[in-house]
Amino acid sequence: MTSSNCIDACLACLIACERCISDCIKDGNQQCIELCRDCADICALCARFEARDSQFSQKLCALCAEVCEACAAECTKHASHHGCCKDCADACKKCASECMKMSKS
């Protein structure tokens, strides 16, 4: 397990969340938008902390995993009728897994 896996997963999740936000704005899905915004922000921060090997990376990775899991759960509710939500849920699950690994290393 390397920090580059975590960074890549965070950046992929950030992009998926931003796409999901754009899609959900059209439908007015406020809960999904809010969670995706939180998730995108923490993924960006987590990637930056990992890139510079911050002393706070482990703690931030644990929180990032928690936010990603919450976002994945919300997006999964809409995945059957919104492709962006499915993609976002998948990216969030992968990111949560990678961040959890890093939080325990």
PDB file of N, CA and C in Angstrom:
ATOM      1  N   MET A   1       0.851  -1.181   0.000  1.00  0.00           N
ATOM      2  CA  MET A   1       0.000   0.000   0.000  1.00  0.00           C
ATOM      3  C   MET A   1       0.891   1.237   0.000  1.00  0.00           C
ATOM      4  N   THR A   2       0.595   2.153  -0.890  1.00  0.00           N
ATOM      5  CA  THR A   2       1.383   3.373  -0.992  1.00  0.00           C
ATOM      6  C   THR A   2       0.469   4.582  -0.913  1.00  0.00           C
ATOM      7  N   SER A   3       1.082   5.690  -0.554  1.00  0.00           N
ATOM      8  CA  SER A   3       0.272   6.905  -0.491  1.00  0.00           C
ATOM      9  C   SER A   3      -0.200   7.313  -1.885  1.00  0.00           C
ATOM     10  N   SER A   4       0.527   6.906  -2.928  1.00  0.00           N
ATOM     11  CA  SER A   4       0.079   7.270  -4.279  1.00  0.00           C
ATOM     12  C   SER A   4      -1.261   6.618  -4.617  1.00  0.00           C
ATOM     13  N   ASN A   5      -1.523   5.408  -4.110  1.00  0.00           N
ATOM     14  CA  ASN A   5      -2.837   4.776  -4.308  1.00  0.00           C
ATOM     15  C   ASN A   5      -3.930   5.611  -3.646  1.00  0.00           C
ATOM     16  N   CYS A   6      -3.640   6.083  -2.455  1.00  0.00           N
ATOM     17  CA  CYS A   6      -4.605   6.903  -1.717  1.00  0.00           C
ATOM     18  C   CYS A   6      -4.820   8.236  -2.434  1.00  0.00           C
ATOM     19  N   ILE A   7      -3.742   8.853  -2.870  1.00  0.00           N
ATOM     20  CA  ILE A   7      -3.845  10.128  -3.583  1.00  0.00           C
ATOM     21  C   ILE A   7      -4.665   9.955  -4.861  1.00  0.00           C
ATOM     22  N   ASP A   8      -4.359   8.922  -5.624  1.00  0.00           N
ATOM     23  CA  ASP A   8      -5.104   8.663  -6.868  1.00  0.00           C
ATOM     24  C   ASP A   8      -6.586   8.432  -6.593  1.00  0.00           C
ATOM     25  N   ALA A   9      -6.889   7.661  -5.545  1.00  0.00           N
ATOM     26  CA  ALA A   9      -8.284   7.380  -5.196  1.00  0.00           C
ATOM     27  C   ALA A   9      -9.000   8.652  -4.753  1.00  0.00           C
ATOM     28  N   CYS A  10      -8.310   9.489  -3.986  1.00  0.00           N
ATOM     29  CA  CYS A  10      -8.904  10.754  -3.539  1.00  0.00           C
ATOM     30  C   CYS A  10      -9.204  11.672  -4.721  1.00  0.00           C
ATOM     31  N   LEU A  11      -8.270  11.767  -5.651  1.00  0.00           N
ATOM     32  CA  LEU A  11      -8.480  12.643  -6.805  1.00  0.00           C
ATOM     33  C   LEU A  11      -9.588  12.119  -7.716  1.00  0.00           C
ATOM     34  N   ALA A  12      -9.643  10.810  -7.893  1.00  0.00           N
ATOM     35  CA  ALA A  12     -10.725  10.220  -8.696  1.00  0.00           C
ATOM     36  C   ALA A  12     -12.077  10.454  -8.031  1.00  0.00           C
ATOM     37  N   CYS A  13     -12.108  10.341  -6.718  1.00  0.00           N
ATOM     38  CA  CYS A  13     -13.348  10.571  -5.971  1.00  0.00           C
ATOM     39  C   CYS A  13     -13.761  12.039  -6.061  1.00  0.00           C
ATOM     40  N   LEU A  14     -12.805  12.929  -5.948  1.00  0.00           N
ATOM     41  CA  LEU A  14     -13.072  14.361  -6.085  1.00  0.00           C
ATOM     42  C   LEU A  14     -13.744  14.655  -7.423  1.00  0.00           C
ATOM     43  N   ILE A  15     -13.203  14.121  -8.491  1.00  0.00           N
ATOM     44  CA  ILE A  15     -13.769  14.343  -9.828  1.00  0.00           C
ATOM     45  C   ILE A  15     -15.172  13.749  -9.934  1.00  0.00           C
ATOM     46  N   ALA A  16     -15.350  12.537  -9.428  1.00  0.00           N
ATOM     47  CA  ALA A  16     -16.669  11.891  -9.479  1.00  0.00           C
ATOM     48  C   ALA A  16     -17.695  12.688  -8.679  1.00  0.00           C
ATOM     49  N   CYS A  17     -17.283  13.207  -7.531  1.00  0.00           N
ATOM     50  CA  CYS A  17     -18.199  14.012  -6.713  1.00  0.00           C
ATOM     51  C   CYS A  17     -18.595  15.295  -7.428  1.00  0.00           C
ATOM     52  N   GLU A  18     -17.640  15.950  -8.060  1.00  0.00           N
ATOM     53  CA  GLU A  18     -17.951  17.188  -8.784  1.00  0.00           C
ATOM     54  C   GLU A  18     -18.931  16.922  -9.924  1.00  0.00           C
ATOM     55  N   ARG A  19     -18.753  15.822 -10.621  1.00  0.00           N
ATOM     56  CA  ARG A  19     -19.688  15.466 -11.698  1.00  0.00           C
ATOM     57  C   ARG A  19     -21.070  15.149 -11.140  1.00  0.00           C
ATOM     58  N   CYS A  20     -21.093  14.473 -10.015  1.00  0.00           N
ATOM     59  CA  CYS A  20     -22.364  14.123  -9.380  1.00  0.00           C
ATOM     60  C   CYS A  20     -23.093  15.388  -8.910  1.00  0.00           C
ATOM     61  N   ILE A  21     -22.341  16.325  -8.361  1.00  0.00           N
ATOM     62  CA  ILE A  21     -22.933  17.592  -7.922  1.00  0.00           C
ATOM     63  C   ILE A  21     -23.627  18.278  -9.095  1.00  0.00           C
ATOM     64  N   SER A  22     -22.936  18.362 -10.212  1.00  0.00           N
ATOM     65  CA  SER A  22     -23.509  19.011 -11.402  1.00  0.00           C
ATOM     66  C   SER A  22     -24.795  18.334 -11.840  1.00  0.00           C
ATOM     67  N   ASP A  23     -24.800  17.013 -11.804  1.00  0.00           N
ATOM     68  CA  ASP A  23     -25.982  16.256 -12.205  1.00  0.00           C
ATOM     69  C   ASP A  23     -27.123  16.440 -11.206  1.00  0.00           C
ATOM     70  N   CYS A  24     -26.797  16.408  -9.921  1.00  0.00           N
ATOM     71  CA  CYS A  24     -27.835  16.500  -8.885  1.00  0.00           C
ATOM     72  C   CYS A  24     -28.423  17.899  -8.758  1.00  0.00           C
ATOM     73  N   ILE A  25     -27.668  18.916  -9.143  1.00  0.00           N
ATOM     74  CA  ILE A  25     -28.203  20.282  -9.109  1.00  0.00           C
ATOM     75  C   ILE A  25     -29.424  20.388 -10.015  1.00  0.00           C
ATOM     76  N   LYS A  26     -29.358  19.703 -11.139  1.00  0.00           N
ATOM     77  CA  LYS A  26     -30.477  19.728 -12.093  1.00  0.00           C
ATOM     78  C   LYS A  26     -31.748  19.136 -11.490  1.00  0.00           C
ATOM     79  N   ASP A  27     -31.568  18.147 -10.601  1.00  0.00           N
ATOM     80  CA  ASP A  27     -32.716  17.481  -9.979  1.00  0.00           C
ATOM     81  C   ASP A  27     -33.065  18.042  -8.607  1.00  0.00           C
ATOM     82  N   GLY A  28     -32.238  18.921  -8.091  1.00  0.00           N
ATOM     83  CA  GLY A  28     -32.499  19.497  -6.781  1.00  0.00           C
ATOM     84  C   GLY A  28     -32.314  18.525  -5.632  1.00  0.00           C
ATOM     85  N   ASN A  29     -31.432  17.567  -5.808  1.00  0.00           N
ATOM     86  CA  ASN A  29     -31.190  16.560  -4.769  1.00  0.00           C
ATOM     87  C   ASN A  29     -30.213  17.121  -3.737  1.00  0.00           C
ATOM     88  N   GLN A  30     -30.730  17.863  -2.783  1.00  0.00           N
ATOM     89  CA  GLN A  30     -29.921  18.618  -1.830  1.00  0.00           C
ATOM     90  C   GLN A  30     -29.021  17.740  -0.964  1.00  0.00           C
ATOM     91  N   GLN A  31     -29.536  16.647  -0.447  1.00  0.00           N
ATOM     92  CA  GLN A  31     -28.743  15.786   0.432  1.00  0.00           C
ATOM     93  C   GLN A  31     -27.525  15.229  -0.306  1.00  0.00           C
ATOM     94  N   CYS A  32     -27.725  14.791  -1.518  1.00  0.00           N
ATOM     95  CA  CYS A  32     -26.629  14.247  -2.323  1.00  0.00           C
ATOM     96  C   CYS A  32     -25.609  15.346  -2.637  1.00  0.00           C
ATOM     97  N   ILE A  33     -26.088  16.520  -2.974  1.00  0.00           N
ATOM     98  CA  ILE A  33     -25.203  17.647  -3.274  1.00  0.00           C
ATOM     99  C   ILE A  33     -24.339  17.980  -2.066  1.00  0.00           C
ATOM    100  N   GLU A  34     -24.958  18.074  -0.901  1.00  0.00           N
ATOM    101  CA  GLU A  34     -24.219  18.435   0.311  1.00  0.00           C
ATOM    102  C   GLU A  34     -23.140  17.411   0.642  1.00  0.00           C
ATOM    103  N   LEU A  35     -23.487  16.134   0.579  1.00  0.00           N
ATOM    104  CA  LEU A  35     -22.498  15.103   0.878  1.00  0.00           C
ATOM    105  C   LEU A  35     -21.385  15.066  -0.161  1.00  0.00           C
ATOM    106  N   CYS A  36     -21.730  15.238  -1.419  1.00  0.00           N
ATOM    107  CA  CYS A  36     -20.706  15.258  -2.467  1.00  0.00           C
ATOM    108  C   CYS A  36     -19.770  16.452  -2.305  1.00  0.00           C
ATOM    109  N   ARG A  37     -20.300  17.586  -1.904  1.00  0.00           N
ATOM    110  CA  ARG A  37     -19.443  18.761  -1.676  1.00  0.00           C
ATOM    111  C   ARG A  37     -18.475  18.503  -0.537  1.00  0.00           C
ATOM    112  N   ASP A  38     -18.990  17.953   0.568  1.00  0.00           N
ATOM    113  CA  ASP A  38     -18.116  17.621   1.697  1.00  0.00           C
ATOM    114  C   ASP A  38     -17.058  16.609   1.280  1.00  0.00           C
ATOM    115  N   CYS A  39     -17.486  15.616   0.540  1.00  0.00           N
ATOM    116  CA  CYS A  39     -16.586  14.551   0.114  1.00  0.00           C
ATOM    117  C   CYS A  39     -15.510  15.091  -0.833  1.00  0.00           C
ATOM    118  N   ALA A  40     -15.898  15.891  -1.796  1.00  0.00           N
ATOM    119  CA  ALA A  40     -14.927  16.467  -2.733  1.00  0.00           C
ATOM    120  C   ALA A  40     -13.890  17.308  -1.995  1.00  0.00           C
ATOM    121  N   ASP A  41     -14.358  18.104  -1.046  1.00  0.00           N
ATOM    122  CA  ASP A  41     -13.439  18.967  -0.300  1.00  0.00           C
ATOM    123  C   ASP A  41     -12.453  18.164   0.541  1.00  0.00           C
ATOM    124  N   ILE A  42     -12.949  17.159   1.254  1.00  0.00           N
ATOM    125  CA  ILE A  42     -12.039  16.400   2.105  1.00  0.00           C
ATOM    126  C   ILE A  42     -11.103  15.527   1.279  1.00  0.00           C
ATOM    127  N   CYS A  43     -11.560  15.056   0.133  1.00  0.00           N
ATOM    128  CA  CYS A  43     -10.675  14.281  -0.747  1.00  0.00           C
ATOM    129  C   CYS A  43      -9.532  15.142  -1.270  1.00  0.00           C
ATOM    130  N   ALA A  44      -9.828  16.376  -1.636  1.00  0.00           N
ATOM    131  CA  ALA A  44      -8.784  17.289  -2.108  1.00  0.00           C
ATOM    132  C   ALA A  44      -7.767  17.553  -1.001  1.00  0.00           C
ATOM    133  N   LEU A  45      -8.266  17.803   0.189  1.00  0.00           N
ATOM    134  CA  LEU A  45      -7.386  18.063   1.327  1.00  0.00           C
ATOM    135  C   LEU A  45      -6.551  16.833   1.670  1.00  0.00           C
ATOM    136  N   CYS A  46      -7.179  15.691   1.664  1.00  0.00           N
ATOM    137  CA  CYS A  46      -6.484  14.448   1.988  1.00  0.00           C
ATOM    138  C   CYS A  46      -5.371  14.166   0.970  1.00  0.00           C
ATOM    139  N   ALA A  47      -5.648  14.375  -0.295  1.00  0.00           N
ATOM    140  CA  ALA A  47      -4.628  14.167  -1.331  1.00  0.00           C
ATOM    141  C   ALA A  47      -3.438  15.094  -1.110  1.00  0.00           C
ATOM    142  N   ARG A  48      -3.706  16.333  -0.751  1.00  0.00           N
ATOM    143  CA  ARG A  48      -2.611  17.280  -0.502  1.00  0.00           C
ATOM    144  C   ARG A  48      -1.804  16.882   0.726  1.00  0.00           C
ATOM    145  N   PHE A  49      -2.482  16.468   1.791  1.00  0.00           N
ATOM    146  CA  PHE A  49      -1.775  16.049   3.007  1.00  0.00           C
ATOM    147  C   PHE A  49      -0.915  14.820   2.736  1.00  0.00           C
ATOM    148  N   GLU A  50      -1.458  13.870   1.979  1.00  0.00           N
ATOM    149  CA  GLU A  50      -0.695  12.665   1.638  1.00  0.00           C
ATOM    150  C   GLU A  50       0.503  13.010   0.758  1.00  0.00           C
ATOM    151  N   ALA A  51       0.320  13.921  -0.183  1.00  0.00           N
ATOM    152  CA  ALA A  51       1.398  14.290  -1.104  1.00  0.00           C
ATOM    153  C   ALA A  51       2.593  14.890  -0.372  1.00  0.00           C
ATOM    154  N   ARG A  52       2.311  15.622   0.703  1.00  0.00           N
ATOM    155  CA  ARG A  52       3.417  16.227   1.448  1.00  0.00           C
ATOM    156  C   ARG A  52       3.775  15.449   2.712  1.00  0.00           C
ATOM    157  N   ASP A  53       3.187  14.259   2.855  1.00  0.00           N
ATOM    158  CA  ASP A  53       3.476  13.379   3.997  1.00  0.00           C
ATOM    159  C   ASP A  53       3.284  14.103   5.330  1.00  0.00           C
ATOM    160  N   SER A  54       2.148  14.764   5.450  1.00  0.00           N
ATOM    161  CA  SER A  54       1.831  15.518   6.659  1.00  0.00           C
ATOM    162  C   SER A  54       1.720  14.601   7.871  1.00  0.00           C
ATOM    163  N   GLN A  55       2.107  15.127   9.009  1.00  0.00           N
ATOM    164  CA  GLN A  55       1.979  14.370  10.252  1.00  0.00           C
ATOM    165  C   GLN A  55       0.515  14.103  10.610  1.00  0.00           C
ATOM    166  N   PHE A  56      -0.403  14.804   9.978  1.00  0.00           N
ATOM    167  CA  PHE A  56      -1.826  14.641  10.260  1.00  0.00           C
ATOM    168  C   PHE A  56      -2.542  13.752   9.247  1.00  0.00           C
ATOM    169  N   SER A  57      -1.797  13.181   8.325  1.00  0.00           N
ATOM    170  CA  SER A  57      -2.395  12.382   7.250  1.00  0.00           C
ATOM    171  C   SER A  57      -3.239  11.229   7.762  1.00  0.00           C
ATOM    172  N   GLN A  58      -2.734  10.491   8.744  1.00  0.00           N
ATOM    173  CA  GLN A  58      -3.488   9.325   9.232  1.00  0.00           C
ATOM    174  C   GLN A  58      -4.856   9.722   9.756  1.00  0.00           C
ATOM    175  N   LYS A  59      -4.897  10.761  10.566  1.00  0.00           N
ATOM    176  CA  LYS A  59      -6.174  11.208  11.126  1.00  0.00           C
ATOM    177  C   LYS A  59      -7.109  11.710  10.029  1.00  0.00           C
ATOM    178  N   LEU A  60      -6.557  12.454   9.089  1.00  0.00           N
ATOM    179  CA  LEU A  60      -7.382  12.978   8.007  1.00  0.00           C
ATOM    180  C   LEU A  60      -7.891  11.851   7.117  1.00  0.00           C
ATOM    181  N   CYS A  61      -7.050  10.848   6.875  1.00  0.00           N
ATOM    182  CA  CYS A  61      -7.479   9.703   6.062  1.00  0.00           C
ATOM    183  C   CYS A  61      -8.654   8.974   6.717  1.00  0.00           C
ATOM    184  N   ALA A  62      -8.631   8.850   8.029  1.00  0.00           N
ATOM    185  CA  ALA A  62      -9.737   8.192   8.732  1.00  0.00           C
ATOM    186  C   ALA A  62     -11.031   8.983   8.545  1.00  0.00           C
ATOM    187  N   LEU A  63     -10.955  10.296   8.666  1.00  0.00           N
ATOM    188  CA  LEU A  63     -12.141  11.133   8.469  1.00  0.00           C
ATOM    189  C   LEU A  63     -12.590  11.103   7.011  1.00  0.00           C
ATOM    190  N   CYS A  64     -11.640  11.121   6.098  1.00  0.00           N
ATOM    191  CA  CYS A  64     -11.975  11.062   4.673  1.00  0.00           C
ATOM    192  C   CYS A  64     -12.719   9.763   4.363  1.00  0.00           C
ATOM    193  N   ALA A  65     -12.252   8.662   4.935  1.00  0.00           N
ATOM    194  CA  ALA A  65     -12.925   7.375   4.724  1.00  0.00           C
ATOM    195  C   ALA A  65     -14.365   7.432   5.227  1.00  0.00           C
ATOM    196  N   GLU A  66     -14.570   8.052   6.376  1.00  0.00           N
ATOM    197  CA  GLU A  66     -15.919   8.165   6.949  1.00  0.00           C
ATOM    198  C   GLU A  66     -16.839   8.993   6.046  1.00  0.00           C
ATOM    199  N   VAL A  67     -16.336  10.113   5.558  1.00  0.00           N
ATOM    200  CA  VAL A  67     -17.135  10.973   4.682  1.00  0.00           C
ATOM    201  C   VAL A  67     -17.423  10.260   3.362  1.00  0.00           C
ATOM    202  N   CYS A  68     -16.421   9.572   2.826  1.00  0.00           N
ATOM    203  CA  CYS A  68     -16.616   8.833   1.569  1.00  0.00           C
ATOM    204  C   CYS A  68     -17.667   7.736   1.723  1.00  0.00           C
ATOM    205  N   GLU A  69     -17.665   7.057   2.857  1.00  0.00           N
ATOM    206  CA  GLU A  69     -18.669   6.014   3.096  1.00  0.00           C
ATOM    207  C   GLU A  69     -20.070   6.617   3.149  1.00  0.00           C
ATOM    208  N   ALA A  70     -20.211   7.760   3.805  1.00  0.00           N
ATOM    209  CA  ALA A  70     -21.517   8.427   3.881  1.00  0.00           C
ATOM    210  C   ALA A  70     -21.972   8.882   2.496  1.00  0.00           C
ATOM    211  N   CYS A  71     -21.056   9.415   1.725  1.00  0.00           N
ATOM    212  CA  CYS A  71     -21.387   9.872   0.373  1.00  0.00           C
ATOM    213  C   CYS A  71     -21.763   8.685  -0.513  1.00  0.00           C
ATOM    214  N   ALA A  72     -21.025   7.596  -0.392  1.00  0.00           N
ATOM    215  CA  ALA A  72     -21.336   6.390  -1.178  1.00  0.00           C
ATOM    216  C   ALA A  72     -22.730   5.874  -0.848  1.00  0.00           C
ATOM    217  N   ALA A  73     -23.080   5.885   0.432  1.00  0.00           N
ATOM    218  CA  ALA A  73     -24.399   5.405   0.850  1.00  0.00           C
ATOM    219  C   ALA A  73     -25.508   6.264   0.243  1.00  0.00           C
ATOM    220  N   GLU A  74     -25.312   7.575   0.242  1.00  0.00           N
ATOM    221  CA  GLU A  74     -26.321   8.475  -0.330  1.00  0.00           C
ATOM    222  C   GLU A  74     -26.409   8.305  -1.842  1.00  0.00           C
ATOM    223  N   CYS A  75     -25.271   8.266  -2.504  1.00  0.00           N
ATOM    224  CA  CYS A  75     -25.272   8.142  -3.968  1.00  0.00           C
ATOM    225  C   CYS A  75     -25.838   6.801  -4.422  1.00  0.00           C
ATOM    226  N   THR A  76     -25.643   5.768  -3.639  1.00  0.00           N
ATOM    227  CA  THR A  76     -26.172   4.447  -3.981  1.00  0.00           C
ATOM    228  C   THR A  76     -27.695   4.479  -4.073  1.00  0.00           C
ATOM    229  N   LYS A  77     -28.331   5.335  -3.278  1.00  0.00           N
ATOM    230  CA  LYS A  77     -29.792   5.457  -3.308  1.00  0.00           C
ATOM    231  C   LYS A  77     -30.297   5.908  -4.683  1.00  0.00           C
ATOM    232  N   HIS A  78     -29.468   6.632  -5.412  1.00  0.00           N
ATOM    233  CA  HIS A  78     -29.882   7.219  -6.690  1.00  0.00           C
ATOM    234  C   HIS A  78     -29.192   6.566  -7.886  1.00  0.00           C
ATOM    235  N   ALA A  79     -28.368   5.569  -7.617  1.00  0.00           N
ATOM    236  CA  ALA A  79     -27.517   4.974  -8.658  1.00  0.00           C
ATOM    237  C   ALA A  79     -28.308   4.325  -9.789  1.00  0.00           C
ATOM    238  N   SER A  80     -29.494   3.812  -9.487  1.00  0.00           N
ATOM    239  CA  SER A  80     -30.261   3.113 -10.523  1.00  0.00           C
ATOM    240  C   SER A  80     -30.791   4.059 -11.604  1.00  0.00           C
ATOM    241  N   HIS A  81     -30.967   5.330 -11.269  1.00  0.00           N
ATOM    242  CA  HIS A  81     -31.493   6.268 -12.258  1.00  0.00           C
ATOM    243  C   HIS A  81     -30.565   7.456 -12.546  1.00  0.00           C
ATOM    244  N   HIS A  82     -29.394   7.458 -11.940  1.00  0.00           N
ATOM    245  CA  HIS A  82     -28.398   8.502 -12.208  1.00  0.00           C
ATOM    246  C   HIS A  82     -27.027   7.856 -12.355  1.00  0.00           C
ATOM    247  N   GLY A  83     -26.526   7.816 -13.568  1.00  0.00           N
ATOM    248  CA  GLY A  83     -25.215   7.223 -13.816  1.00  0.00           C
ATOM    249  C   GLY A  83     -24.104   7.892 -13.039  1.00  0.00           C
ATOM    250  N   CYS A  84     -24.193   9.215 -12.892  1.00  0.00           N
ATOM    251  CA  CYS A  84     -23.163   9.929 -12.140  1.00  0.00           C
ATOM    252  C   CYS A  84     -23.151   9.507 -10.676  1.00  0.00           C
ATOM    253  N   CYS A  85     -24.327   9.232 -10.125  1.00  0.00           N
ATOM    254  CA  CYS A  85     -24.397   8.792  -8.727  1.00  0.00           C
ATOM    255  C   CYS A  85     -23.766   7.412  -8.560  1.00  0.00           C
ATOM    256  N   LYS A  86     -23.968   6.544  -9.544  1.00  0.00           N
ATOM    257  CA  LYS A  86     -23.342   5.223  -9.478  1.00  0.00           C
ATOM    258  C   LYS A  86     -21.832   5.350  -9.548  1.00  0.00           C
ATOM    259  N   ASP A  87     -21.349   6.152 -10.485  1.00  0.00           N
ATOM    260  CA  ASP A  87     -19.907   6.365 -10.618  1.00  0.00           C
ATOM    261  C   ASP A  87     -19.325   6.975  -9.349  1.00  0.00           C
ATOM    262  N   CYS A  88     -20.057   7.911  -8.775  1.00  0.00           N
ATOM    263  CA  CYS A  88     -19.601   8.570  -7.557  1.00  0.00           C
ATOM    264  C   CYS A  88     -19.561   7.579  -6.394  1.00  0.00           C
ATOM    265  N   ALA A  89     -20.603   6.781  -6.253  1.00  0.00           N
ATOM    266  CA  ALA A  89     -20.634   5.784  -5.177  1.00  0.00           C
ATOM    267  C   ALA A  89     -19.458   4.823  -5.303  1.00  0.00           C
ATOM    268  N   ASP A  90     -19.175   4.381  -6.518  1.00  0.00           N
ATOM    269  CA  ASP A  90     -18.047   3.468  -6.739  1.00  0.00           C
ATOM    270  C   ASP A  90     -16.720   4.126  -6.372  1.00  0.00           C
ATOM    271  N   ALA A  91     -16.534   5.370  -6.799  1.00  0.00           N
ATOM    272  CA  ALA A  91     -15.296   6.092  -6.493  1.00  0.00           C
ATOM    273  C   ALA A  91     -15.164   6.337  -4.993  1.00  0.00           C
ATOM    274  N   CYS A  92     -16.284   6.647  -4.344  1.00  0.00           N
ATOM    275  CA  CYS A  92     -16.270   6.875  -2.899  1.00  0.00           C
ATOM    276  C   CYS A  92     -15.900   5.605  -2.139  1.00  0.00           C
ATOM    277  N   LYS A  93     -16.433   4.484  -2.570  1.00  0.00           N
ATOM    278  CA  LYS A  93     -16.116   3.214  -1.908  1.00  0.00           C
ATOM    279  C   LYS A  93     -14.634   2.885  -2.043  1.00  0.00           C
ATOM    280  N   LYS A  94     -14.084   3.086  -3.229  1.00  0.00           N
ATOM    281  CA  LYS A  94     -12.662   2.818  -3.442  1.00  0.00           C
ATOM    282  C   LYS A  94     -11.809   3.760  -2.597  1.00  0.00           C
ATOM    283  N   CYS A  95     -12.180   5.022  -2.580  1.00  0.00           N
ATOM    284  CA  CYS A  95     -11.433   6.003  -1.803  1.00  0.00           C
ATOM    285  C   CYS A  95     -11.510   5.689  -0.311  1.00  0.00           C
ATOM    286  N   ALA A  96     -12.681   5.326   0.162  1.00  0.00           N
ATOM    287  CA  ALA A  96     -12.836   4.969   1.575  1.00  0.00           C
ATOM    288  C   ALA A  96     -11.916   3.813   1.933  1.00  0.00           C
ATOM    289  N   SER A  97     -11.840   2.828   1.064  1.00  0.00           N
ATOM    290  CA  SER A  97     -10.984   1.667   1.300  1.00  0.00           C
ATOM    291  C   SER A  97      -9.507   2.065   1.356  1.00  0.00           C
ATOM    292  N   GLU A  98      -9.067   2.857   0.395  1.00  0.00           N
ATOM    293  CA  GLU A  98      -7.659   3.283   0.359  1.00  0.00           C
ATOM    294  C   GLU A  98      -7.319   4.174   1.551  1.00  0.00           C
ATOM    295  N   CYS A  99      -8.226   5.078   1.891  1.00  0.00           N
ATOM    296  CA  CYS A  99      -7.980   5.970   3.030  1.00  0.00           C
ATOM    297  C   CYS A  99      -7.958   5.199   4.344  1.00  0.00           C
ATOM    298  N   MET A 100      -8.820   4.206   4.466  1.00  0.00           N
ATOM    299  CA  MET A 100      -8.828   3.402   5.686  1.00  0.00           C
ATOM    300  C   MET A 100      -7.499   2.664   5.837  1.00  0.00           C
ATOM    301  N   LYS A 101      -6.981   2.126   4.738  1.00  0.00           N
ATOM    302  CA  LYS A 101      -5.671   1.457   4.781  1.00  0.00           C
ATOM    303  C   LYS A 101      -4.593   2.428   5.252  1.00  0.00           C
ATOM    304  N   MET A 102      -4.596   3.630   4.705  1.00  0.00           N
ATOM    305  CA  MET A 102      -3.581   4.620   5.070  1.00  0.00           C
ATOM    306  C   MET A 102      -3.746   5.090   6.511  1.00  0.00           C
ATOM    307  N   SER A 103      -4.967   5.125   6.993  1.00  0.00           N
ATOM    308  CA  SER A 103      -5.187   5.586   8.369  1.00  0.00           C
ATOM    309  C   SER A 103      -4.662   4.585   9.391  1.00  0.00           C
ATOM    310  N   LYS A 104      -4.452   3.356   8.947  1.00  0.00           N
ATOM    311  CA  LYS A 104      -3.971   2.305   9.852  1.00  0.00           C
ATOM    312  C   LYS A 104      -2.493   1.987   9.649  1.00  0.00           C
ATOM    313  N   SER A 105      -1.847   2.711   8.732  1.00  0.00           N
ATOM    314  CA  SER A 105      -0.436   2.390   8.463  1.00  0.00           C
ATOM    315  C   SER A 105       0.510   3.231   9.298  1.00  0.00           C
TER     316      SER A 105
END
